[in-house]
Amino acid sequence: MFQQLKNIDSAFKHVRTFSFLIIIGSVVLCCYTIYKSYQIVQDTQARIYILANGKAIEAFSAERKDNIPVEARDHVRMFHYYFFTLHPDDKVIQNHIKQALYLADASAQTQYDNLRENSYYANIISGNVSQEIQIDSIKVDVDQYPFYFKCTAKQKIIRATSIVTRSLVTEGFLRNVLRSDNNPHGFLIERWSTLENRDLKSENR
């Protein structure tokens, strides 16, 4: 009889152990399934399709922190393009400067005011001068905030009789602001200053 009770007790322990293993295995499997399902949903949401010229192009979304260096460089590039790309047309100049000033603080406004007071824009219009900019490099330090940047570029000043190439080096800081139609990257340039602006060469046309 005692042997029978021992067998029953041993069988009960085996059943209990087996049940615990089944429960633990089920919990692990459920957790894994939930995790993989969440991961698949996240991957699916990150994948979008853009329709361009009748073709669907696959694209992936990313968090802002992953794109800060890229967006910061493009913000600086667009600001310099608008501020320094000028043509002998008052409306073109005003539109470009307006776009540039949306991307920077009062330091850019001050430089614009100084150039205007020195008749820089009036001389561009009266002399039929065009000005273009070519960005050579933009370095952004994202390890500190506000983000420090340094932009190296070349200006081409095209006159009726000559083309002057100038070296341009500027610096400043970027801080985060809300994105808008006028400021799609959500940065604002602060303490913008020109470190170098000198002639490199002059060519006759």
Protein backbone atom coordinates (compact mmCIF):
# COMPACT_ATOMS: atom_id res chain seq x y z
CA MET A 1 0.00 0.00 0.00
CA PHE A 2 2.85 2.35 0.89
CA GLN A 3 4.50 1.52 -2.43
CA GLN A 4 1.29 2.41 -4.22
CA LEU A 5 1.10 5.77 -2.43
CA LYS A 6 4.72 6.48 -3.36
CA ASN A 7 3.92 5.70 -6.97
CA ILE A 8 0.91 8.05 -6.90
CA ASP A 9 3.02 10.82 -5.28
CA SER A 10 5.79 10.33 -7.83
CA ALA A 11 3.30 10.42 -10.70
CA PHE A 12 1.76 13.61 -9.31
CA LYS A 13 5.20 15.27 -9.15
CA HIS A 14 5.91 14.25 -12.74
CA VAL A 15 2.56 15.61 -13.89
CA ARG A 16 3.11 18.87 -11.97
CA THR A 17 6.63 19.30 -13.43
CA PHE A 18 5.35 18.55 -16.91
CA SER A 19 2.50 21.06 -16.45
CA PHE A 20 4.92 23.76 -15.30
CA LEU A 21 7.11 23.13 -18.34
CA ILE A 22 4.08 23.36 -20.64
CA ILE A 23 2.97 26.63 -19.00
CA ILE A 24 6.46 28.17 -19.14
CA GLY A 25 6.87 27.07 -22.76
CA SER A 26 3.48 28.58 -23.67
CA VAL A 27 4.36 31.89 -21.96
CA VAL A 28 7.74 32.06 -23.75
CA LEU A 29 6.09 31.24 -27.09
CA CYS A 30 3.37 33.87 -26.55
CA CYS A 31 5.97 36.53 -25.61
CA TYR A 32 8.05 35.70 -28.66
CA THR A 33 4.99 35.81 -30.93
CA ILE A 34 3.93 39.20 -29.53
CA TYR A 35 7.47 40.59 -29.93
CA LYS A 36 7.78 39.39 -33.53
CA SER A 37 4.30 40.70 -34.37
CA TYR A 38 5.18 44.12 -32.95
CA GLN A 39 8.46 44.11 -34.87
CA ILE A 40 6.69 43.24 -38.13
CA VAL A 41 4.12 46.01 -37.58
CA GLN A 42 6.92 48.54 -36.90
CA ASP A 43 8.80 47.47 -40.03
CA THR A 44 5.61 47.70 -42.08
CA GLN A 45 4.81 51.18 -40.78
CA ALA A 46 8.36 52.33 -41.53
CA ARG A 47 7.99 51.27 -45.16
CA ILE A 48 6.13 53.67 -47.43
CA TYR A 49 5.67 53.93 -51.16
CA ILE A 50 6.03 57.14 -53.13
CA LEU A 51 4.41 57.48 -56.53
CA ALA A 52 6.74 59.32 -58.91
CA ASN A 53 6.17 59.52 -62.66
CA GLY A 54 3.78 56.61 -62.53
CA LYS A 55 6.22 54.37 -60.65
CA ALA A 56 5.95 53.25 -57.03
CA ILE A 57 9.23 53.82 -55.19
CA GLU A 58 9.79 52.17 -51.84
CA ALA A 59 11.05 54.42 -49.05
CA PHE A 60 11.71 54.00 -45.35
CA SER A 61 10.92 56.37 -42.51
CA ALA A 62 13.45 57.09 -39.76
CA GLU A 63 13.57 58.90 -36.45
CA ARG A 64 14.77 62.50 -36.43
CA LYS A 65 17.86 61.67 -34.37
CA ASP A 66 19.04 59.37 -37.16
CA ASN A 67 18.81 62.18 -39.72
CA ILE A 68 20.08 65.20 -37.75
CA PRO A 69 23.46 65.49 -39.56
CA VAL A 70 21.84 65.14 -43.00
CA GLU A 71 19.00 67.57 -42.27
CA ALA A 72 21.34 70.06 -40.59
CA ARG A 73 23.69 70.12 -43.59
CA ASP A 74 20.80 70.55 -46.00
CA HIS A 75 19.37 73.37 -43.86
CA VAL A 76 22.72 75.19 -43.97
CA ARG A 77 23.03 74.50 -47.71
CA MET A 78 19.58 75.89 -48.49
CA PHE A 79 20.15 78.98 -46.37
CA HIS A 80 23.40 79.80 -48.19
CA TYR A 81 21.80 79.09 -51.55
CA TYR A 82 18.97 81.54 -50.92
CA PHE A 83 21.17 84.19 -49.32
CA PHE A 84 23.93 84.18 -51.92
CA THR A 85 22.19 83.20 -55.18
CA LEU A 86 21.19 86.54 -56.65
CA HIS A 87 20.19 87.84 -60.06
CA PRO A 88 19.56 91.36 -61.39
CA ASP A 89 15.86 91.25 -60.57
CA ASP A 90 14.44 92.88 -57.46
CA LYS A 91 11.68 90.28 -57.05
CA VAL A 92 14.13 87.37 -57.29
CA ILE A 93 16.41 89.01 -54.71
CA GLN A 94 13.53 89.73 -52.32
CA ASN A 95 12.11 86.20 -52.63
CA HIS A 96 15.50 84.58 -52.02
CA ILE A 97 16.32 86.79 -49.04
CA LYS A 98 12.85 86.21 -47.61
CA GLN A 99 13.35 82.43 -47.82
CA ALA A 100 16.83 82.72 -46.27
CA LEU A 101 15.63 84.81 -43.34
CA TYR A 102 13.04 82.17 -42.43
CA LEU A 103 15.98 79.82 -41.78
CA ALA A 104 18.09 82.11 -39.56
CA ASP A 105 17.85 84.56 -36.69
CA ALA A 106 18.64 88.29 -36.48
CA SER A 107 22.33 87.71 -37.29
CA ALA A 108 21.36 87.05 -40.93
CA GLN A 109 18.99 90.02 -40.92
CA THR A 110 21.86 92.23 -39.72
CA GLN A 111 24.14 91.11 -42.55
CA TYR A 112 21.34 91.67 -45.06
CA ASP A 113 20.69 95.17 -43.69
CA ASN A 114 24.40 96.05 -43.90
CA LEU A 115 24.60 94.89 -47.53
CA ARG A 116 21.44 96.80 -48.43
CA GLU A 117 22.69 100.01 -46.78
CA ASN A 118 25.91 99.69 -48.77
CA SER A 119 23.81 99.50 -51.98
CA TYR A 120 25.01 95.95 -52.66
CA TYR A 121 21.67 94.77 -54.06
CA ALA A 122 21.07 97.98 -55.96
CA ASN A 123 24.46 97.55 -57.63
CA ILE A 124 23.60 93.99 -58.62
CA ILE A 125 20.44 95.20 -60.35
CA SER A 126 21.97 98.26 -62.00
CA GLY A 127 25.08 96.36 -63.12
CA ASN A 128 23.19 93.29 -64.38
CA VAL A 129 25.26 91.10 -62.10
CA SER A 130 24.47 87.49 -61.25
CA GLN A 131 25.83 85.75 -58.18
CA GLU A 132 26.01 82.00 -57.67
CA ILE A 133 27.31 79.82 -54.85
CA GLN A 134 28.87 76.37 -54.88
CA ILE A 135 29.07 74.58 -51.52
CA ASP A 136 32.35 72.73 -51.03
CA SER A 137 31.73 71.32 -47.55
CA ILE A 138 29.49 71.68 -44.52
CA LYS A 139 30.70 70.35 -41.19
CA VAL A 140 28.19 69.98 -38.35
CA ASP A 141 29.10 69.02 -34.79
CA VAL A 142 26.09 67.15 -33.38
CA ASP A 143 27.89 66.27 -30.14
CA GLN A 144 27.08 69.68 -28.69
CA TYR A 145 23.86 71.69 -28.65
CA PRO A 146 23.19 74.09 -30.27
CA PHE A 147 24.93 72.34 -33.17
CA TYR A 148 27.99 74.20 -34.44
CA PHE A 149 28.50 74.31 -38.22
CA LYS A 150 31.16 75.58 -40.59
CA CYS A 151 30.39 76.09 -44.28
CA THR A 152 33.06 76.37 -46.98
CA ALA A 153 31.95 77.53 -50.41
CA LYS A 154 32.87 79.44 -53.55
CA GLN A 155 30.97 82.41 -54.95
CA LYS A 156 30.85 83.28 -58.62
CA ILE A 157 30.07 86.90 -59.42
CA ILE A 158 29.18 87.13 -63.10
CA ARG A 159 29.43 90.56 -64.71
CA ALA A 160 29.13 91.59 -68.34
CA THR A 161 32.89 91.61 -68.80
CA SER A 162 34.27 89.28 -66.10
CA ILE A 163 33.65 86.39 -63.73
CA VAL A 164 35.08 86.73 -60.24
CA THR A 165 35.46 83.64 -58.03
CA ARG A 166 35.54 84.26 -54.30
CA SER A 167 36.23 82.05 -51.30
CA LEU A 168 33.48 82.09 -48.66
CA VAL A 169 33.70 80.55 -45.19
CA THR A 170 30.93 81.04 -42.63
CA GLU A 171 30.05 79.59 -39.24
CA GLY A 172 27.14 79.53 -36.85
CA PHE A 173 24.94 77.38 -34.65
CA LEU A 174 21.74 75.44 -35.23
CA ARG A 175 18.93 75.08 -32.71
CA ASN A 176 15.71 73.11 -33.00
CA VAL A 177 12.43 74.86 -33.83
CA LEU A 178 9.06 73.64 -35.06
CA ARG A 179 8.91 72.51 -38.67
CA SER A 180 6.85 74.57 -41.08
CA ASP A 181 6.39 75.09 -44.81
CA ASN A 182 8.99 77.86 -44.67
CA ASN A 183 11.35 75.85 -42.45
CA PRO A 184 10.91 72.15 -43.33
CA HIS A 185 13.99 70.91 -41.44
CA GLY A 186 13.03 72.50 -38.13
CA PHE A 187 16.35 74.28 -37.48
CA LEU A 188 17.21 77.94 -36.95
CA ILE A 189 20.67 79.35 -37.67
CA GLU A 190 22.02 81.50 -34.84
CA ARG A 191 25.10 83.71 -34.46
CA TRP A 192 25.87 83.41 -38.17
CA SER A 193 29.09 85.15 -39.18
CA THR A 194 31.47 85.27 -42.14
CA LEU A 195 35.01 84.10 -41.44
CA GLU A 196 36.40 84.64 -44.94
CA ASN A 197 35.23 86.29 -48.15
CA ARG A 198 38.11 87.00 -50.51
CA ASP A 199 38.81 86.95 -54.24
CA LEU A 200 40.45 83.82 -55.64
CA LYS A 201 40.57 84.65 -59.33
CA SER A 202 39.09 86.87 -62.01
CA GLU A 203 38.44 85.87 -65.63
CA ASN A 204 37.60 88.07 -68.58
CA ARG A 205 34.57 87.12 -70.62
